[in-house]
Each structure stands twice: as C-alpha cells, then as structure tokens.
Amino acid sequence: MMQILKECMRCRRGSALTEFVLIVPMMTLLFAGAVEATRLLRLDRKLQNAAYATADLVTHKPSVNDDRMADILVAADLVMQPFTASGLAVGVSSVVFDETDGVPSVDWTESHRGGVVPDAVTKAEGMGPPGDSVVIVRATYDYVPIFGDFVFGSFELVEMAFARPRRSAIVERE
C-alpha cells in the first residue's frame, strides 16, 4: 500500500490539466471584471460629456426655442454613442437670480426622457450675481452590466453640469 502511495506522489501526469482547471475560473472572472470596469468608465465619461455639451449648447445663444432645444437634446443622444441613448435622461433648468436681492428661482425647465433637476434653486445658490442666471443640466443613465446583471442588477449613473450664459445675462425660453 505504501508503494502505491509513493508512486502516486511521484507521478506528474495530469498536473497541468488540474492547474488549468483551477486557474480558468479565476482568469475568466478577472477578464469579465476588466471588461465591465472599462465599459463603466467609458459610459461615465460619455455621460459627463453629454451633460457638459448640453449645458454649453443651451448657453451659447441668448434664447432657446423648441426646435433648438430638440436639436440640443439630439446632440446629447449622439454624444452617448456607441451606448444606446434609450437609457439617457436629461433635465435642464435655468435658474435666475433676482435683480434686487439675488435670491435664485427657477425660470424654466426642460425634460428629456423624464430627466429632472431636483433642488435646482439650492444647487444654484451663490453661482451668480443679482440679475444673472445659471443653466443646470442633470444627465442620468440606467446602466445594465453585461456580465454582472445577475449579481448587481442595474443602477443609475448621474452627472451634473453648470454653465453661465455667454451672450446675455439670462437664457430666455421661447
């Protein structure tokens, strides 16, 4: 019996297969995690760019009409490519500071796919002198992981952008 155990201990056949079987699951998890993390970082960068581009385009001219706003929101969708735009929601609010005491109040808001800017007045406090305004954009994206959907489920990414009007004190909504 001892002879058989000694022979088994010296035998090296199948050890490579055993090591391979032990390492493959770990390497697969590392690969899936790297792919998921890269995708999430790219999506977050795209969402940030969409929010800033929307704020920049809204504040570019002294007034915004329905057609221009629709074009701006299409541009936000295009910034998100190659990710699907259906997960993107954008809220735009213009906050005006009273000319006498500088108290902020919401002048107008726009919503794209249900996007909102909660507490716009609170977020705008101290961002401008009396008589001026600030545009606040809040972009959200419902992220569904490729590999981790069964573990983590979907979650929401949020980015905000603030911009002051360039050519006027207030961006009017026509």
N, C-alpha and C. Protein backbone atom coordinates (compact mmCIF):
# COMPACT_ATOMS: atom_id res chain seq x y z
N MET A 1 0.81 -1.19 0.00
CA MET A 1 0.00 0.00 0.00
C MET A 1 0.86 1.26 0.00
N MET A 2 1.90 1.28 0.79
CA MET A 2 2.81 2.42 0.82
C MET A 2 3.49 2.60 -0.53
N GLN A 3 3.75 1.51 -1.19
CA GLN A 3 4.39 1.55 -2.51
C GLN A 3 3.48 2.30 -3.50
N ILE A 4 2.20 2.05 -3.47
CA ILE A 4 1.25 2.69 -4.39
C ILE A 4 1.15 4.18 -4.09
N LEU A 5 1.12 4.55 -2.84
CA LEU A 5 1.07 5.97 -2.48
C LEU A 5 2.32 6.70 -2.92
N LYS A 6 3.48 6.10 -2.77
CA LYS A 6 4.72 6.73 -3.21
C LYS A 6 4.74 6.92 -4.72
N GLU A 7 4.22 5.96 -5.46
CA GLU A 7 4.17 6.08 -6.92
C GLU A 7 3.21 7.18 -7.35
N CYS A 8 2.09 7.28 -6.65
CA CYS A 8 1.11 8.34 -6.97
C CYS A 8 1.70 9.73 -6.70
N MET A 9 2.47 9.86 -5.66
CA MET A 9 3.07 11.14 -5.31
C MET A 9 4.13 11.56 -6.32
N ARG A 10 4.82 10.61 -6.91
CA ARG A 10 5.85 10.91 -7.89
C ARG A 10 5.29 11.14 -9.30
N CYS A 11 4.11 10.67 -9.54
CA CYS A 11 3.51 10.77 -10.88
C CYS A 11 3.12 12.22 -11.18
N ARG A 12 3.50 12.74 -12.33
CA ARG A 12 3.20 14.12 -12.72
C ARG A 12 2.18 14.19 -13.86
N ARG A 13 1.66 13.09 -14.31
CA ARG A 13 0.67 13.11 -15.38
C ARG A 13 -0.62 13.75 -14.88
N GLY A 14 -1.17 14.66 -15.65
CA GLY A 14 -2.43 15.31 -15.29
C GLY A 14 -2.29 16.53 -14.41
N SER A 15 -1.10 16.85 -13.96
CA SER A 15 -0.96 18.02 -13.09
C SER A 15 -1.22 19.32 -13.85
N ALA A 16 -0.83 19.39 -15.10
CA ALA A 16 -1.09 20.59 -15.90
C ALA A 16 -2.59 20.79 -16.10
N LEU A 17 -3.29 19.68 -16.35
CA LEU A 17 -4.73 19.76 -16.52
C LEU A 17 -5.40 20.21 -15.22
N THR A 18 -4.96 19.73 -14.11
CA THR A 18 -5.51 20.12 -12.82
C THR A 18 -5.28 21.60 -12.56
N GLU A 19 -4.08 22.09 -12.83
CA GLU A 19 -3.78 23.51 -12.64
C GLU A 19 -4.62 24.37 -13.57
N PHE A 20 -4.79 23.91 -14.80
CA PHE A 20 -5.59 24.64 -15.77
C PHE A 20 -7.04 24.76 -15.29
N VAL A 21 -7.60 23.66 -14.81
CA VAL A 21 -8.98 23.65 -14.33
C VAL A 21 -9.14 24.58 -13.12
N LEU A 22 -8.14 24.69 -12.30
CA LEU A 22 -8.21 25.56 -11.14
C LEU A 22 -8.05 27.04 -11.49
N ILE A 23 -7.28 27.34 -12.53
CA ILE A 23 -6.98 28.73 -12.88
C ILE A 23 -8.03 29.35 -13.81
N VAL A 24 -8.65 28.57 -14.69
CA VAL A 24 -9.58 29.11 -15.69
C VAL A 24 -10.72 29.92 -15.07
N PRO A 25 -11.42 29.46 -14.04
CA PRO A 25 -12.50 30.28 -13.49
C PRO A 25 -12.02 31.63 -12.96
N MET A 26 -10.88 31.64 -12.30
CA MET A 26 -10.34 32.89 -11.77
C MET A 26 -9.96 33.85 -12.91
N MET A 27 -9.33 33.34 -13.95
CA MET A 27 -8.94 34.18 -15.08
C MET A 27 -10.17 34.71 -15.82
N THR A 28 -11.20 33.88 -15.92
CA THR A 28 -12.45 34.32 -16.56
C THR A 28 -13.09 35.45 -15.77
N LEU A 29 -13.12 35.33 -14.46
CA LEU A 29 -13.66 36.40 -13.62
C LEU A 29 -12.85 37.69 -13.75
N LEU A 30 -11.54 37.57 -13.78
CA LEU A 30 -10.70 38.76 -13.95
C LEU A 30 -10.95 39.43 -15.30
N PHE A 31 -11.08 38.63 -16.34
CA PHE A 31 -11.35 39.18 -17.68
C PHE A 31 -12.70 39.88 -17.71
N ALA A 32 -13.74 39.22 -17.19
CA ALA A 32 -15.08 39.81 -17.17
C ALA A 32 -15.09 41.10 -16.35
N GLY A 33 -14.40 41.12 -15.23
CA GLY A 33 -14.32 42.33 -14.41
C GLY A 33 -13.61 43.47 -15.13
N ALA A 34 -12.55 43.16 -15.84
CA ALA A 34 -11.84 44.19 -16.59
C ALA A 34 -12.71 44.77 -17.70
N VAL A 35 -13.43 43.92 -18.40
CA VAL A 35 -14.32 44.38 -19.47
C VAL A 35 -15.42 45.25 -18.88
N GLU A 36 -16.03 44.82 -17.80
CA GLU A 36 -17.12 45.56 -17.16
C GLU A 36 -16.64 46.91 -16.62
N ALA A 37 -15.49 46.93 -15.98
CA ALA A 37 -14.95 48.18 -15.44
C ALA A 37 -14.62 49.17 -16.55
N THR A 38 -14.04 48.68 -17.64
CA THR A 38 -13.73 49.55 -18.77
C THR A 38 -14.98 50.13 -19.38
N ARG A 39 -15.99 49.30 -19.53
CA ARG A 39 -17.25 49.76 -20.12
C ARG A 39 -17.91 50.81 -19.22
N LEU A 40 -17.89 50.58 -17.93
CA LEU A 40 -18.49 51.52 -16.99
C LEU A 40 -17.76 52.86 -17.00
N LEU A 41 -16.45 52.84 -17.05
CA LEU A 41 -15.68 54.09 -17.11
C LEU A 41 -15.94 54.86 -18.40
N ARG A 42 -16.03 54.13 -19.52
CA ARG A 42 -16.33 54.79 -20.80
C ARG A 42 -17.72 55.42 -20.76
N LEU A 43 -18.68 54.70 -20.20
CA LEU A 43 -20.04 55.21 -20.12
C LEU A 43 -20.11 56.45 -19.23
N ASP A 44 -19.41 56.43 -18.12
CA ASP A 44 -19.40 57.58 -17.22
C ASP A 44 -18.79 58.80 -17.91
N ARG A 45 -17.74 58.59 -18.66
CA ARG A 45 -17.12 59.70 -19.41
C ARG A 45 -18.07 60.24 -20.48
N LYS A 46 -18.77 59.35 -21.17
CA LYS A 46 -19.75 59.77 -22.19
C LYS A 46 -20.89 60.56 -21.54
N LEU A 47 -21.36 60.11 -20.39
CA LEU A 47 -22.45 60.80 -19.70
C LEU A 47 -22.00 62.19 -19.25
N GLN A 48 -20.78 62.28 -18.77
CA GLN A 48 -20.24 63.58 -18.37
C GLN A 48 -20.14 64.51 -19.57
N ASN A 49 -19.67 64.01 -20.69
CA ASN A 49 -19.58 64.82 -21.92
C ASN A 49 -20.96 65.25 -22.41
N ALA A 50 -21.95 64.37 -22.30
CA ALA A 50 -23.31 64.72 -22.73
C ALA A 50 -23.87 65.85 -21.87
N ALA A 51 -23.66 65.78 -20.57
CA ALA A 51 -24.16 66.84 -19.67
C ALA A 51 -23.48 68.17 -19.98
N TYR A 52 -22.16 68.16 -20.12
CA TYR A 52 -21.44 69.41 -20.40
C TYR A 52 -21.78 69.96 -21.78
N ALA A 53 -21.93 69.10 -22.76
CA ALA A 53 -22.28 69.57 -24.11
C ALA A 53 -23.67 70.18 -24.12
N THR A 54 -24.60 69.59 -23.40
CA THR A 54 -25.95 70.13 -23.33
C THR A 54 -25.94 71.51 -22.68
N ALA A 55 -25.26 71.64 -21.56
CA ALA A 55 -25.19 72.94 -20.88
C ALA A 55 -24.51 73.98 -21.77
N ASP A 56 -23.46 73.59 -22.45
CA ASP A 56 -22.73 74.50 -23.34
C ASP A 56 -23.61 74.97 -24.49
N LEU A 57 -24.34 74.05 -25.11
CA LEU A 57 -25.17 74.41 -26.25
C LEU A 57 -26.37 75.26 -25.84
N VAL A 58 -26.93 75.02 -24.67
CA VAL A 58 -28.06 75.82 -24.21
C VAL A 58 -27.62 77.26 -23.95
N THR A 59 -26.45 77.46 -23.39
CA THR A 59 -25.98 78.80 -23.02
C THR A 59 -25.28 79.53 -24.16
N HIS A 60 -25.19 78.92 -25.31
CA HIS A 60 -24.47 79.52 -26.44
C HIS A 60 -25.17 80.75 -27.00
N LYS A 61 -26.50 80.76 -26.99
CA LYS A 61 -27.27 81.88 -27.55
C LYS A 61 -28.16 82.49 -26.46
N PRO A 62 -28.63 83.72 -26.67
CA PRO A 62 -29.46 84.39 -25.65
C PRO A 62 -30.83 83.78 -25.44
N SER A 63 -31.33 83.00 -26.42
CA SER A 63 -32.64 82.39 -26.26
C SER A 63 -32.65 80.99 -26.88
N VAL A 64 -33.59 80.18 -26.40
CA VAL A 64 -33.73 78.81 -26.88
C VAL A 64 -35.19 78.56 -27.19
N ASN A 65 -35.47 78.14 -28.44
CA ASN A 65 -36.84 77.78 -28.80
C ASN A 65 -36.98 76.26 -28.81
N ASP A 66 -38.18 75.78 -29.12
CA ASP A 66 -38.45 74.33 -29.08
C ASP A 66 -37.57 73.56 -30.06
N ASP A 67 -37.40 74.08 -31.28
CA ASP A 67 -36.59 73.38 -32.28
C ASP A 67 -35.13 73.29 -31.86
N ARG A 68 -34.60 74.39 -31.36
CA ARG A 68 -33.21 74.39 -30.92
C ARG A 68 -33.00 73.44 -29.73
N MET A 69 -33.95 73.45 -28.80
CA MET A 69 -33.84 72.56 -27.64
C MET A 69 -33.90 71.09 -28.10
N ALA A 70 -34.77 70.81 -29.05
CA ALA A 70 -34.85 69.43 -29.57
C ALA A 70 -33.53 69.02 -30.21
N ASP A 71 -32.91 69.95 -30.95
CA ASP A 71 -31.61 69.66 -31.57
C ASP A 71 -30.52 69.44 -30.52
N ILE A 72 -30.55 70.23 -29.47
CA ILE A 72 -29.57 70.08 -28.39
C ILE A 72 -29.71 68.72 -27.72
N LEU A 73 -30.94 68.30 -27.48
CA LEU A 73 -31.16 67.01 -26.83
C LEU A 73 -30.80 65.84 -27.75
N VAL A 74 -30.97 66.02 -29.06
CA VAL A 74 -30.50 65.00 -30.02
C VAL A 74 -28.97 64.94 -29.97
N ALA A 75 -28.33 66.08 -29.84
CA ALA A 75 -26.86 66.11 -29.73
C ALA A 75 -26.41 65.35 -28.48
N ALA A 76 -27.14 65.48 -27.38
CA ALA A 76 -26.80 64.73 -26.16
C ALA A 76 -26.91 63.23 -26.42
N ASP A 77 -27.93 62.83 -27.16
CA ASP A 77 -28.07 61.41 -27.52
C ASP A 77 -26.89 60.94 -28.37
N LEU A 78 -26.47 61.77 -29.29
CA LEU A 78 -25.36 61.40 -30.18
C LEU A 78 -24.03 61.31 -29.44
N VAL A 79 -23.85 62.13 -28.43
CA VAL A 79 -22.62 62.07 -27.64
C VAL A 79 -22.49 60.71 -26.95
N MET A 80 -23.62 60.10 -26.62
CA MET A 80 -23.61 58.83 -25.90
C MET A 80 -23.18 57.64 -26.75
N GLN A 81 -23.14 57.79 -28.06
CA GLN A 81 -22.76 56.65 -28.91
C GLN A 81 -21.37 56.16 -28.57
N PRO A 82 -21.12 54.89 -28.59
CA PRO A 82 -21.85 53.75 -29.10
C PRO A 82 -22.85 53.15 -28.11
N PHE A 83 -23.03 53.76 -26.94
CA PHE A 83 -24.03 53.27 -26.00
C PHE A 83 -25.41 53.69 -26.46
N THR A 84 -26.43 52.92 -26.12
CA THR A 84 -27.78 53.25 -26.55
C THR A 84 -28.27 54.50 -25.82
N ALA A 85 -28.95 55.34 -26.54
CA ALA A 85 -29.45 56.59 -25.97
C ALA A 85 -30.72 56.37 -25.16
N SER A 86 -31.33 55.20 -25.26
CA SER A 86 -32.59 54.96 -24.56
C SER A 86 -32.44 55.00 -23.04
N GLY A 87 -31.26 54.75 -22.52
CA GLY A 87 -31.03 54.81 -21.08
C GLY A 87 -30.73 56.21 -20.57
N LEU A 88 -30.58 57.16 -21.49
CA LEU A 88 -30.22 58.53 -21.12
C LEU A 88 -31.46 59.36 -20.80
N ALA A 89 -31.43 60.08 -19.69
CA ALA A 89 -32.46 61.05 -19.34
C ALA A 89 -31.76 62.36 -18.99
N VAL A 90 -32.27 63.47 -19.54
CA VAL A 90 -31.63 64.77 -19.34
C VAL A 90 -32.67 65.76 -18.82
N GLY A 91 -32.30 66.47 -17.77
CA GLY A 91 -33.11 67.57 -17.26
C GLY A 91 -32.31 68.85 -17.35
N VAL A 92 -32.96 69.92 -17.84
CA VAL A 92 -32.30 71.23 -17.99
C VAL A 92 -33.13 72.25 -17.24
N SER A 93 -32.48 73.05 -16.39
CA SER A 93 -33.16 74.11 -15.66
C SER A 93 -32.37 75.40 -15.76
N SER A 94 -33.10 76.49 -15.96
CA SER A 94 -32.48 77.81 -15.93
C SER A 94 -32.89 78.48 -14.63
N VAL A 95 -31.91 78.85 -13.84
CA VAL A 95 -32.16 79.49 -12.54
C VAL A 95 -31.72 80.95 -12.64
N VAL A 96 -32.65 81.85 -12.32
CA VAL A 96 -32.41 83.29 -12.42
C VAL A 96 -32.24 83.85 -11.01
N PHE A 97 -31.29 84.78 -10.87
CA PHE A 97 -31.04 85.45 -9.60
C PHE A 97 -31.75 86.80 -9.60
N ASP A 98 -32.60 87.05 -8.60
CA ASP A 98 -33.38 88.28 -8.52
C ASP A 98 -32.47 89.50 -8.60
N GLU A 99 -32.93 90.52 -9.31
CA GLU A 99 -32.11 91.72 -9.52
C GLU A 99 -31.85 92.51 -8.25
N THR A 100 -32.75 92.45 -7.29
CA THR A 100 -32.57 93.26 -6.08
C THR A 100 -31.80 92.53 -4.99
N ASP A 101 -32.24 91.31 -4.66
CA ASP A 101 -31.60 90.63 -3.54
C ASP A 101 -30.80 89.38 -3.93
N GLY A 102 -30.82 89.01 -5.21
CA GLY A 102 -30.03 87.88 -5.68
C GLY A 102 -30.57 86.51 -5.30
N VAL A 103 -31.81 86.44 -4.86
CA VAL A 103 -32.41 85.16 -4.49
C VAL A 103 -32.70 84.35 -5.75
N PRO A 104 -32.23 83.11 -5.81
CA PRO A 104 -32.43 82.31 -7.03
C PRO A 104 -33.85 81.75 -7.12
N SER A 105 -34.34 81.64 -8.36
CA SER A 105 -35.62 81.00 -8.63
C SER A 105 -35.55 80.35 -10.00
N VAL A 106 -36.31 79.29 -10.19
CA VAL A 106 -36.31 78.57 -11.48
C VAL A 106 -37.10 79.38 -12.49
N ASP A 107 -36.46 79.69 -13.62
CA ASP A 107 -37.10 80.44 -14.71
C ASP A 107 -37.84 79.48 -15.64
N TRP A 108 -37.17 78.43 -16.09
CA TRP A 108 -37.79 77.41 -16.94
C TRP A 108 -37.04 76.09 -16.81
N THR A 109 -37.73 75.01 -17.15
CA THR A 109 -37.12 73.68 -17.13
C THR A 109 -37.51 72.93 -18.39
N GLU A 110 -36.69 71.97 -18.73
CA GLU A 110 -36.93 71.10 -19.89
C GLU A 110 -36.57 69.68 -19.48
N SER A 111 -37.37 68.72 -19.94
CA SER A 111 -37.14 67.33 -19.59
C SER A 111 -37.04 66.49 -20.85
N HIS A 112 -36.07 65.58 -20.85
CA HIS A 112 -35.87 64.65 -21.97
C HIS A 112 -35.84 63.25 -21.40
N ARG A 113 -36.81 62.42 -21.79
CA ARG A 113 -36.98 61.06 -21.26
C ARG A 113 -37.14 61.03 -19.74
N GLY A 114 -37.83 62.02 -19.22
CA GLY A 114 -38.12 62.04 -17.79
C GLY A 114 -37.02 62.62 -16.91
N GLY A 115 -36.01 63.23 -17.52
CA GLY A 115 -34.92 63.81 -16.74
C GLY A 115 -35.37 65.05 -15.98
N VAL A 116 -34.88 65.20 -14.78
CA VAL A 116 -35.22 66.36 -13.94
C VAL A 116 -33.96 66.88 -13.25
N VAL A 117 -34.06 68.10 -12.76
CA VAL A 117 -33.00 68.68 -11.93
C VAL A 117 -33.61 68.96 -10.57
N PRO A 118 -33.50 68.00 -9.64
CA PRO A 118 -34.09 68.24 -8.32
C PRO A 118 -33.29 69.28 -7.54
N ASP A 119 -34.01 70.09 -6.80
CA ASP A 119 -33.39 71.14 -5.97
C ASP A 119 -32.50 72.07 -6.77
N ALA A 120 -32.97 72.52 -7.93
CA ALA A 120 -32.17 73.40 -8.79
C ALA A 120 -31.83 74.70 -8.08
N VAL A 121 -32.77 75.24 -7.32
CA VAL A 121 -32.53 76.51 -6.62
C VAL A 121 -31.42 76.34 -5.59
N THR A 122 -31.44 75.26 -4.84
CA THR A 122 -30.42 75.01 -3.83
C THR A 122 -29.05 74.84 -4.47
N LYS A 123 -29.00 74.12 -5.58
CA LYS A 123 -27.72 73.89 -6.26
C LYS A 123 -27.15 75.17 -6.87
N ALA A 124 -28.03 76.12 -7.22
CA ALA A 124 -27.58 77.35 -7.88
C ALA A 124 -27.17 78.45 -6.91
N GLU A 125 -27.43 78.29 -5.64
CA GLU A 125 -27.12 79.36 -4.69
C GLU A 125 -25.64 79.73 -4.74
N GLY A 126 -25.41 81.04 -4.84
CA GLY A 126 -24.04 81.56 -4.86
C GLY A 126 -23.32 81.41 -6.19
N MET A 127 -24.01 81.03 -7.24
CA MET A 127 -23.35 80.82 -8.54
C MET A 127 -23.43 82.02 -9.46
N GLY A 128 -24.05 83.10 -9.02
CA GLY A 128 -24.11 84.26 -9.90
C GLY A 128 -24.56 85.51 -9.16
N PRO A 129 -24.25 86.66 -9.73
CA PRO A 129 -24.66 87.92 -9.11
C PRO A 129 -26.14 88.21 -9.40
N PRO A 130 -26.73 89.15 -8.68
CA PRO A 130 -28.13 89.52 -8.95
C PRO A 130 -28.31 89.94 -10.41
N GLY A 131 -29.42 89.47 -11.01
CA GLY A 131 -29.73 89.80 -12.40
C GLY A 131 -29.19 88.81 -13.41
N ASP A 132 -28.35 87.90 -13.00
CA ASP A 132 -27.78 86.90 -13.91
C ASP A 132 -28.54 85.57 -13.77
N SER A 133 -28.04 84.57 -14.45
CA SER A 133 -28.66 83.25 -14.36
C SER A 133 -27.60 82.17 -14.54
N VAL A 134 -28.00 80.95 -14.28
CA VAL A 134 -27.15 79.80 -14.50
C VAL A 134 -28.03 78.67 -15.04
N VAL A 135 -27.48 77.90 -15.95
CA VAL A 135 -28.19 76.75 -16.51
C VAL A 135 -27.60 75.50 -15.87
N ILE A 136 -28.48 74.66 -15.35
CA ILE A 136 -28.08 73.42 -14.69
C ILE A 136 -28.61 72.25 -15.51
N VAL A 137 -27.72 71.32 -15.83
CA VAL A 137 -28.10 70.13 -16.58
C VAL A 137 -27.78 68.91 -15.71
N ARG A 138 -28.75 68.03 -15.60
CA ARG A 138 -28.55 66.77 -14.87
C ARG A 138 -28.84 65.63 -15.85
N ALA A 139 -27.81 64.84 -16.13
CA ALA A 139 -27.94 63.71 -17.04
C ALA A 139 -27.82 62.42 -16.23
N THR A 140 -28.74 61.50 -16.47
CA THR A 140 -28.70 60.20 -15.80
C THR A 140 -28.73 59.10 -16.84
N TYR A 141 -28.16 57.96 -16.48
CA TYR A 141 -28.15 56.81 -17.39
C TYR A 141 -28.39 55.55 -16.58
N ASP A 142 -29.36 54.76 -17.01
CA ASP A 142 -29.63 53.47 -16.36
C ASP A 142 -28.66 52.45 -16.92
N TYR A 143 -27.69 52.07 -16.13
CA TYR A 143 -26.62 51.17 -16.56
C TYR A 143 -26.98 49.73 -16.20
N VAL A 144 -26.93 48.88 -17.20
CA VAL A 144 -27.15 47.45 -17.01
C VAL A 144 -25.84 46.74 -17.34
N PRO A 145 -25.19 46.12 -16.36
CA PRO A 145 -23.91 45.45 -16.62
C PRO A 145 -24.07 44.29 -17.60
N ILE A 146 -23.02 44.04 -18.36
CA ILE A 146 -23.04 42.92 -19.31
C ILE A 146 -22.97 41.60 -18.56
N PHE A 147 -21.98 41.46 -17.70
CA PHE A 147 -21.74 40.19 -17.01
C PHE A 147 -22.36 40.15 -15.62
N GLY A 148 -22.42 41.30 -14.97
CA GLY A 148 -22.83 41.29 -13.56
C GLY A 148 -24.30 41.56 -13.33
N ASP A 149 -25.13 41.48 -14.37
CA ASP A 149 -26.54 41.80 -14.22
C ASP A 149 -27.22 40.90 -13.18
N PHE A 150 -26.85 39.66 -13.15
CA PHE A 150 -27.46 38.73 -12.19
C PHE A 150 -26.94 38.95 -10.78
N VAL A 151 -25.81 39.62 -10.63
CA VAL A 151 -25.24 39.87 -9.30
C VAL A 151 -25.63 41.26 -8.78
N PHE A 152 -25.36 42.28 -9.59
CA PHE A 152 -25.54 43.66 -9.14
C PHE A 152 -26.88 44.25 -9.58
N GLY A 153 -27.42 43.83 -10.70
CA GLY A 153 -28.61 44.46 -11.26
C GLY A 153 -28.23 45.79 -11.89
N SER A 154 -29.20 46.53 -12.35
CA SER A 154 -28.91 47.82 -12.98
C SER A 154 -28.82 48.90 -11.91
N PHE A 155 -28.13 49.97 -12.24
CA PHE A 155 -28.06 51.12 -11.35
C PHE A 155 -27.93 52.38 -12.18
N GLU A 156 -28.13 53.53 -11.53
CA GLU A 156 -28.18 54.80 -12.24
C GLU A 156 -26.87 55.59 -12.05
N LEU A 157 -26.33 56.04 -13.17
CA LEU A 157 -25.19 56.95 -13.16
C LEU A 157 -25.73 58.38 -13.28
N VAL A 158 -25.15 59.32 -12.56
CA VAL A 158 -25.64 60.70 -12.58
C VAL A 158 -24.46 61.65 -12.79
N GLU A 159 -24.65 62.61 -13.68
CA GLU A 159 -23.67 63.68 -13.90
C GLU A 159 -24.41 65.01 -13.96
N MET A 160 -23.78 66.05 -13.43
CA MET A 160 -24.37 67.38 -13.48
C MET A 160 -23.39 68.35 -14.12
N ALA A 161 -23.96 69.35 -14.80
CA ALA A 161 -23.14 70.39 -15.42
C ALA A 161 -23.80 71.75 -15.17
N PHE A 162 -22.96 72.74 -14.94
CA PHE A 162 -23.42 74.10 -14.70
C PHE A 162 -22.77 75.01 -15.73
N ALA A 163 -23.54 75.96 -16.27
CA ALA A 163 -22.97 76.90 -17.25
C ALA A 163 -23.68 78.24 -17.12
N ARG A 164 -22.91 79.28 -17.31
CA ARG A 164 -23.46 80.64 -17.31
C ARG A 164 -23.66 81.06 -18.76
N PRO A 165 -24.69 81.85 -19.05
CA PRO A 165 -24.92 82.31 -20.42
C PRO A 165 -23.74 83.11 -20.94
N ARG A 166 -23.48 82.98 -22.23
CA ARG A 166 -22.32 83.66 -22.82
C ARG A 166 -22.63 85.06 -23.32
N ARG A 167 -23.76 85.21 -24.00
CA ARG A 167 -24.02 86.47 -24.70
C ARG A 167 -25.11 87.32 -24.06
N SER A 168 -25.64 86.89 -22.95
CA SER A 168 -26.68 87.63 -22.25
C SER A 168 -26.65 87.23 -20.77
N ALA A 169 -27.39 87.96 -19.98
CA ALA A 169 -27.43 87.64 -18.56
C ALA A 169 -28.32 86.42 -18.29
N ILE A 170 -29.33 86.25 -19.15
CA ILE A 170 -30.32 85.19 -18.96
C ILE A 170 -30.58 84.50 -20.29
N VAL A 171 -30.71 83.19 -20.28
CA VAL A 171 -31.13 82.45 -21.46
C VAL A 171 -32.65 82.37 -21.43
N GLU A 172 -33.27 83.05 -22.38
CA GLU A 172 -34.74 83.08 -22.46
C GLU A 172 -35.24 81.82 -23.12
N ARG A 173 -36.40 81.35 -22.71
CA ARG A 173 -37.05 80.17 -23.33
C ARG A 173 -38.22 80.66 -24.13
N GLU A 174 -38.19 80.45 -25.44
CA GLU A 174 -39.27 80.91 -26.32
C GLU A 174 -40.33 79.86 -26.46
